[in-house]
N, C-alpha and C. Protein backbone atom coordinates (compact mmCIF):
# COMPACT_ATOMS: atom_id res chain seq x y z
N UNK A 1 0.82 -1.21 0.00
CA UNK A 1 0.00 0.00 0.00
C UNK A 1 0.85 1.26 0.00
N UNK A 2 0.35 2.30 -0.65
CA UNK A 2 1.02 3.60 -0.64
C UNK A 2 0.95 4.22 0.75
N UNK A 3 -0.22 4.14 1.35
CA UNK A 3 -0.40 4.73 2.68
C UNK A 3 -1.51 3.99 3.41
N UNK A 4 -1.45 4.05 4.71
CA UNK A 4 -2.49 3.46 5.56
C UNK A 4 -2.80 4.44 6.67
N UNK A 5 -4.09 4.71 6.85
CA UNK A 5 -4.50 5.60 7.93
C UNK A 5 -5.66 4.96 8.68
N UNK A 6 -5.97 5.50 9.82
CA UNK A 6 -7.05 4.97 10.64
C UNK A 6 -6.54 4.65 12.01
N UNK A 7 -7.46 4.26 12.86
CA UNK A 7 -7.05 3.97 14.24
C UNK A 7 -6.56 2.54 14.40
N UNK A 8 -6.89 1.69 13.45
CA UNK A 8 -6.48 0.29 13.52
C UNK A 8 -5.14 0.05 12.85
N UNK A 9 -4.67 -1.18 13.01
CA UNK A 9 -3.40 -1.58 12.40
C UNK A 9 -3.58 -2.93 11.72
N UNK A 10 -2.95 -3.06 10.56
CA UNK A 10 -2.95 -4.32 9.83
C UNK A 10 -1.61 -4.43 9.11
N UNK A 11 -0.96 -5.54 9.30
CA UNK A 11 0.36 -5.79 8.72
C UNK A 11 0.28 -5.64 7.19
N UNK A 12 1.15 -4.80 6.61
CA UNK A 12 1.14 -4.60 5.15
C UNK A 12 1.31 -5.88 4.34
N UNK A 13 2.04 -6.87 4.89
CA UNK A 13 2.20 -8.13 4.16
C UNK A 13 0.87 -8.88 4.06
N UNK A 14 0.01 -8.72 5.05
CA UNK A 14 -1.32 -9.36 5.01
C UNK A 14 -2.20 -8.69 3.95
N UNK A 15 -2.05 -7.38 3.81
CA UNK A 15 -2.79 -6.65 2.78
C UNK A 15 -2.29 -7.10 1.40
N UNK A 16 -0.98 -7.16 1.25
CA UNK A 16 -0.37 -7.58 -0.02
C UNK A 16 -0.83 -8.98 -0.41
N UNK A 17 -0.97 -9.85 0.54
CA UNK A 17 -1.41 -11.22 0.27
C UNK A 17 -2.81 -11.24 -0.34
N UNK A 18 -3.71 -10.43 0.20
CA UNK A 18 -5.08 -10.36 -0.32
C UNK A 18 -5.08 -9.74 -1.72
N UNK A 19 -4.26 -8.71 -1.91
CA UNK A 19 -4.17 -8.08 -3.24
C UNK A 19 -3.69 -9.10 -4.27
N UNK A 20 -2.64 -9.83 -3.93
CA UNK A 20 -2.12 -10.84 -4.87
C UNK A 20 -3.15 -11.92 -5.17
N UNK A 21 -3.87 -12.35 -4.13
CA UNK A 21 -4.87 -13.39 -4.30
C UNK A 21 -5.98 -12.95 -5.26
N UNK A 22 -6.24 -11.67 -5.32
CA UNK A 22 -7.32 -11.13 -6.15
C UNK A 22 -6.82 -10.45 -7.42
N UNK A 23 -5.54 -10.50 -7.69
CA UNK A 23 -4.97 -9.74 -8.81
C UNK A 23 -5.50 -10.20 -10.17
N UNK A 24 -5.84 -11.45 -10.33
CA UNK A 24 -6.35 -11.91 -11.63
C UNK A 24 -7.67 -11.25 -11.97
N UNK A 25 -8.51 -11.06 -10.99
CA UNK A 25 -9.79 -10.38 -11.25
C UNK A 25 -9.57 -8.94 -11.67
N UNK A 26 -8.62 -8.27 -11.01
CA UNK A 26 -8.32 -6.89 -11.37
C UNK A 26 -7.70 -6.82 -12.76
N UNK A 27 -6.86 -7.78 -13.07
CA UNK A 27 -6.27 -7.86 -14.41
C UNK A 27 -7.37 -8.07 -15.45
N UNK A 28 -8.39 -8.83 -15.09
CA UNK A 28 -9.52 -9.05 -15.98
C UNK A 28 -10.27 -7.76 -16.28
N UNK A 29 -10.38 -6.88 -15.28
CA UNK A 29 -11.00 -5.56 -15.50
C UNK A 29 -10.24 -4.81 -16.58
N UNK A 30 -8.93 -4.84 -16.48
CA UNK A 30 -8.07 -4.15 -17.44
C UNK A 30 -8.15 -4.80 -18.82
N UNK A 31 -8.04 -6.11 -18.87
CA UNK A 31 -7.98 -6.80 -20.15
C UNK A 31 -9.28 -6.68 -20.95
N UNK A 32 -10.41 -6.60 -20.28
CA UNK A 32 -11.66 -6.44 -21.02
C UNK A 32 -11.71 -5.09 -21.74
N UNK A 33 -11.14 -4.05 -21.14
CA UNK A 33 -11.09 -2.74 -21.80
C UNK A 33 -9.93 -2.65 -22.79
N UNK A 34 -8.88 -3.41 -22.55
CA UNK A 34 -7.73 -3.43 -23.44
C UNK A 34 -8.13 -3.95 -24.83
N UNK A 35 -9.12 -4.83 -24.88
CA UNK A 35 -9.62 -5.34 -26.16
C UNK A 35 -10.21 -4.21 -27.00
N UNK A 36 -10.78 -3.22 -26.34
CA UNK A 36 -11.38 -2.07 -27.03
C UNK A 36 -10.32 -1.03 -27.42
N UNK A 37 -9.27 -0.93 -26.59
CA UNK A 37 -8.20 0.04 -26.82
C UNK A 37 -6.86 -0.61 -26.50
N UNK A 38 -6.17 -1.13 -27.53
CA UNK A 38 -4.92 -1.87 -27.30
C UNK A 38 -3.77 -1.02 -26.75
N UNK A 39 -3.92 0.30 -26.69
CA UNK A 39 -2.86 1.15 -26.15
C UNK A 39 -3.13 1.54 -24.70
N UNK A 40 -4.21 1.04 -24.14
CA UNK A 40 -4.61 1.40 -22.78
C UNK A 40 -3.55 0.99 -21.77
N UNK A 41 -3.13 1.94 -20.95
CA UNK A 41 -2.18 1.66 -19.87
C UNK A 41 -2.23 2.79 -18.86
N UNK A 42 -1.72 2.53 -17.68
CA UNK A 42 -1.68 3.56 -16.66
C UNK A 42 -1.84 3.02 -15.26
N UNK A 43 -2.11 3.94 -14.34
CA UNK A 43 -2.22 3.62 -12.93
C UNK A 43 -3.64 3.95 -12.46
N UNK A 44 -4.19 3.04 -11.68
CA UNK A 44 -5.45 3.30 -10.98
C UNK A 44 -5.14 3.14 -9.50
N UNK A 45 -5.25 4.23 -8.75
CA UNK A 45 -5.01 4.17 -7.30
C UNK A 45 -6.37 4.21 -6.61
N UNK A 46 -6.58 3.24 -5.73
CA UNK A 46 -7.86 3.11 -5.05
C UNK A 46 -7.65 3.22 -3.55
N UNK A 47 -8.53 3.99 -2.90
CA UNK A 47 -8.55 4.08 -1.44
C UNK A 47 -9.67 3.18 -0.95
N UNK A 48 -9.34 2.25 -0.05
CA UNK A 48 -10.38 1.38 0.49
C UNK A 48 -10.21 1.20 1.99
N UNK A 49 -11.33 0.93 2.66
CA UNK A 49 -11.34 0.81 4.11
C UNK A 49 -11.63 -0.63 4.51
N UNK A 50 -10.75 -1.17 5.34
CA UNK A 50 -10.92 -2.52 5.89
C UNK A 50 -11.45 -2.36 7.31
N UNK A 51 -12.62 -2.90 7.54
CA UNK A 51 -13.25 -2.80 8.86
C UNK A 51 -12.70 -3.88 9.79
N UNK A 52 -13.00 -3.77 11.08
CA UNK A 52 -12.51 -4.74 12.07
C UNK A 52 -13.07 -6.14 11.80
N UNK A 53 -14.11 -6.24 11.01
CA UNK A 53 -14.68 -7.55 10.64
C UNK A 53 -13.87 -8.22 9.53
N UNK A 54 -12.97 -7.47 8.90
CA UNK A 54 -12.20 -7.99 7.77
C UNK A 54 -12.85 -7.68 6.43
N UNK A 55 -14.03 -7.07 6.45
CA UNK A 55 -14.72 -6.70 5.21
C UNK A 55 -14.29 -5.32 4.75
N UNK A 56 -14.34 -5.11 3.44
CA UNK A 56 -14.06 -3.79 2.88
C UNK A 56 -15.38 -3.03 2.83
N UNK A 57 -15.42 -1.87 3.46
CA UNK A 57 -16.67 -1.10 3.52
C UNK A 57 -16.75 -0.02 2.45
N UNK A 58 -15.60 0.50 2.03
CA UNK A 58 -15.58 1.57 1.03
C UNK A 58 -14.45 1.32 0.06
N UNK A 59 -14.67 1.72 -1.18
CA UNK A 59 -13.64 1.61 -2.21
C UNK A 59 -13.87 2.74 -3.20
N UNK A 60 -12.84 3.58 -3.39
CA UNK A 60 -13.00 4.75 -4.27
C UNK A 60 -11.70 5.03 -5.02
N UNK A 61 -11.81 5.28 -6.30
CA UNK A 61 -10.65 5.65 -7.10
C UNK A 61 -10.23 7.07 -6.75
N UNK A 62 -8.94 7.24 -6.45
CA UNK A 62 -8.42 8.56 -6.13
C UNK A 62 -7.42 9.05 -7.18
N UNK A 63 -7.00 8.15 -8.08
CA UNK A 63 -6.13 8.53 -9.20
C UNK A 63 -6.40 7.56 -10.34
N UNK A 64 -6.51 8.10 -11.55
CA UNK A 64 -6.73 7.26 -12.71
C UNK A 64 -6.04 7.91 -13.91
N UNK A 65 -4.82 7.46 -14.20
CA UNK A 65 -4.08 8.02 -15.33
C UNK A 65 -4.41 7.27 -16.63
N UNK A 66 -5.23 6.25 -16.52
CA UNK A 66 -5.55 5.41 -17.66
C UNK A 66 -6.58 6.06 -18.59
N UNK A 67 -7.46 6.85 -18.02
CA UNK A 67 -8.49 7.48 -18.82
C UNK A 67 -9.72 6.61 -19.03
N UNK A 68 -9.72 5.41 -18.48
CA UNK A 68 -10.87 4.51 -18.59
C UNK A 68 -11.58 4.43 -17.25
N UNK A 69 -12.74 5.02 -17.17
CA UNK A 69 -13.49 4.93 -15.92
C UNK A 69 -14.06 3.52 -15.73
N UNK A 70 -14.22 2.76 -16.82
CA UNK A 70 -14.75 1.40 -16.71
C UNK A 70 -13.78 0.50 -15.94
N UNK A 71 -12.49 0.63 -16.21
CA UNK A 71 -11.49 -0.17 -15.49
C UNK A 71 -11.52 0.20 -14.00
N UNK A 72 -11.52 1.49 -13.71
CA UNK A 72 -11.50 1.95 -12.33
C UNK A 72 -12.74 1.48 -11.58
N UNK A 73 -13.91 1.59 -12.19
CA UNK A 73 -15.16 1.17 -11.55
C UNK A 73 -15.15 -0.34 -11.29
N UNK A 74 -14.67 -1.11 -12.25
CA UNK A 74 -14.58 -2.57 -12.09
C UNK A 74 -13.65 -2.92 -10.92
N UNK A 75 -12.52 -2.24 -10.82
CA UNK A 75 -11.58 -2.48 -9.72
C UNK A 75 -12.23 -2.14 -8.39
N UNK A 76 -12.87 -0.98 -8.31
CA UNK A 76 -13.57 -0.58 -7.08
C UNK A 76 -14.57 -1.66 -6.65
N UNK A 77 -15.37 -2.11 -7.59
CA UNK A 77 -16.40 -3.11 -7.27
C UNK A 77 -15.80 -4.43 -6.81
N UNK A 78 -14.69 -4.82 -7.42
CA UNK A 78 -14.01 -6.05 -6.99
C UNK A 78 -13.47 -5.91 -5.58
N UNK A 79 -12.84 -4.79 -5.29
CA UNK A 79 -12.24 -4.58 -3.97
C UNK A 79 -13.32 -4.62 -2.88
N UNK A 80 -14.50 -4.10 -3.17
CA UNK A 80 -15.59 -4.11 -2.18
C UNK A 80 -15.98 -5.52 -1.75
N UNK A 81 -15.63 -6.52 -2.55
CA UNK A 81 -15.96 -7.91 -2.22
C UNK A 81 -14.84 -8.63 -1.47
N UNK A 82 -13.70 -7.99 -1.30
CA UNK A 82 -12.58 -8.63 -0.63
C UNK A 82 -12.88 -8.85 0.85
N UNK A 83 -12.32 -9.95 1.38
CA UNK A 83 -12.41 -10.28 2.80
C UNK A 83 -11.00 -10.54 3.31
N UNK A 84 -10.68 -9.96 4.43
CA UNK A 84 -9.37 -10.13 5.05
C UNK A 84 -9.51 -11.07 6.23
N UNK A 85 -8.81 -12.22 6.17
CA UNK A 85 -8.84 -13.16 7.30
C UNK A 85 -8.12 -12.56 8.49
N UNK A 86 -7.03 -11.84 8.20
CA UNK A 86 -6.33 -11.10 9.25
C UNK A 86 -7.04 -9.76 9.38
N UNK A 87 -7.67 -9.55 10.50
CA UNK A 87 -8.49 -8.36 10.70
C UNK A 87 -7.66 -7.26 11.35
N UNK A 88 -7.98 -6.00 11.04
CA UNK A 88 -7.26 -4.89 11.69
C UNK A 88 -7.47 -4.92 13.20
N UNK A 89 -6.43 -4.61 13.92
CA UNK A 89 -6.51 -4.53 15.38
C UNK A 89 -6.72 -3.08 15.79
N UNK A 90 -7.72 -2.85 16.63
CA UNK A 90 -7.93 -1.53 17.20
C UNK A 90 -8.83 -0.60 16.40
N UNK A 91 -9.34 -1.05 15.27
CA UNK A 91 -10.23 -0.21 14.47
C UNK A 91 -9.99 -0.41 12.99
N UNK A 92 -10.72 0.33 12.20
CA UNK A 92 -10.61 0.20 10.75
C UNK A 92 -9.31 0.81 10.23
N UNK A 93 -8.91 0.37 9.03
CA UNK A 93 -7.72 0.87 8.36
C UNK A 93 -8.11 1.27 6.94
N UNK A 94 -7.68 2.44 6.52
CA UNK A 94 -7.93 2.90 5.16
C UNK A 94 -6.61 2.89 4.41
N UNK A 95 -6.63 2.23 3.25
CA UNK A 95 -5.44 2.00 2.45
C UNK A 95 -5.56 2.77 1.13
N UNK A 96 -4.47 3.33 0.65
CA UNK A 96 -4.38 3.85 -0.72
C UNK A 96 -3.44 2.92 -1.46
N UNK A 97 -3.94 2.27 -2.51
CA UNK A 97 -3.15 1.23 -3.19
C UNK A 97 -3.13 1.49 -4.68
N UNK A 98 -1.93 1.61 -5.28
CA UNK A 98 -1.84 1.82 -6.73
C UNK A 98 -1.77 0.48 -7.48
N UNK A 99 -2.49 0.42 -8.59
CA UNK A 99 -2.46 -0.74 -9.47
C UNK A 99 -1.95 -0.26 -10.83
N UNK A 100 -0.90 -0.90 -11.33
CA UNK A 100 -0.24 -0.50 -12.57
C UNK A 100 -0.60 -1.48 -13.68
N UNK A 101 -0.97 -0.94 -14.84
CA UNK A 101 -1.36 -1.78 -15.96
C UNK A 101 -0.67 -1.34 -17.23
N UNK A 102 -0.06 -2.31 -17.93
CA UNK A 102 0.53 -2.07 -19.24
C UNK A 102 0.20 -3.27 -20.13
N UNK A 103 0.01 -3.02 -21.44
CA UNK A 103 -0.27 -4.15 -22.33
C UNK A 103 0.98 -5.02 -22.46
N UNK A 104 0.80 -6.32 -22.52
CA UNK A 104 1.94 -7.21 -22.72
C UNK A 104 2.25 -7.28 -24.21
N UNK A 105 3.51 -7.48 -24.51
CA UNK A 105 3.93 -7.48 -25.91
C UNK A 105 3.61 -8.79 -26.59
C-alpha cells in the first residue's frame, strides 16, 4: 500500500497477500477494456477501508491516469468484495493502493 491511515493496524504483508490473491480479477478488469483500446495503460489508485470484521466497507478511485473509468469502476467493485482473514486490530484501516497496468507485448 502507498499509505495506511485509521485507528487500527494491519500488517502490510497481510494486505499484499489479499491483493495478490485477487490480482487476476483486477487484471480481468483491465484486459476487457484493453480489447477495445490496445494502447490502454496507466495507474489506478484506489482508497479502500478494511473494517474490524475484515470486510471492505468503502472503495473509491483517487487517481486514474488510464483514462478509462470502466477499469476503475470494475476495480472498485471487486475490492468491495474482498475479505481479510487477518483483521485490523484496534479499528478500521484505510489504504491507498496503486495498481499499474501495461499491455503485454
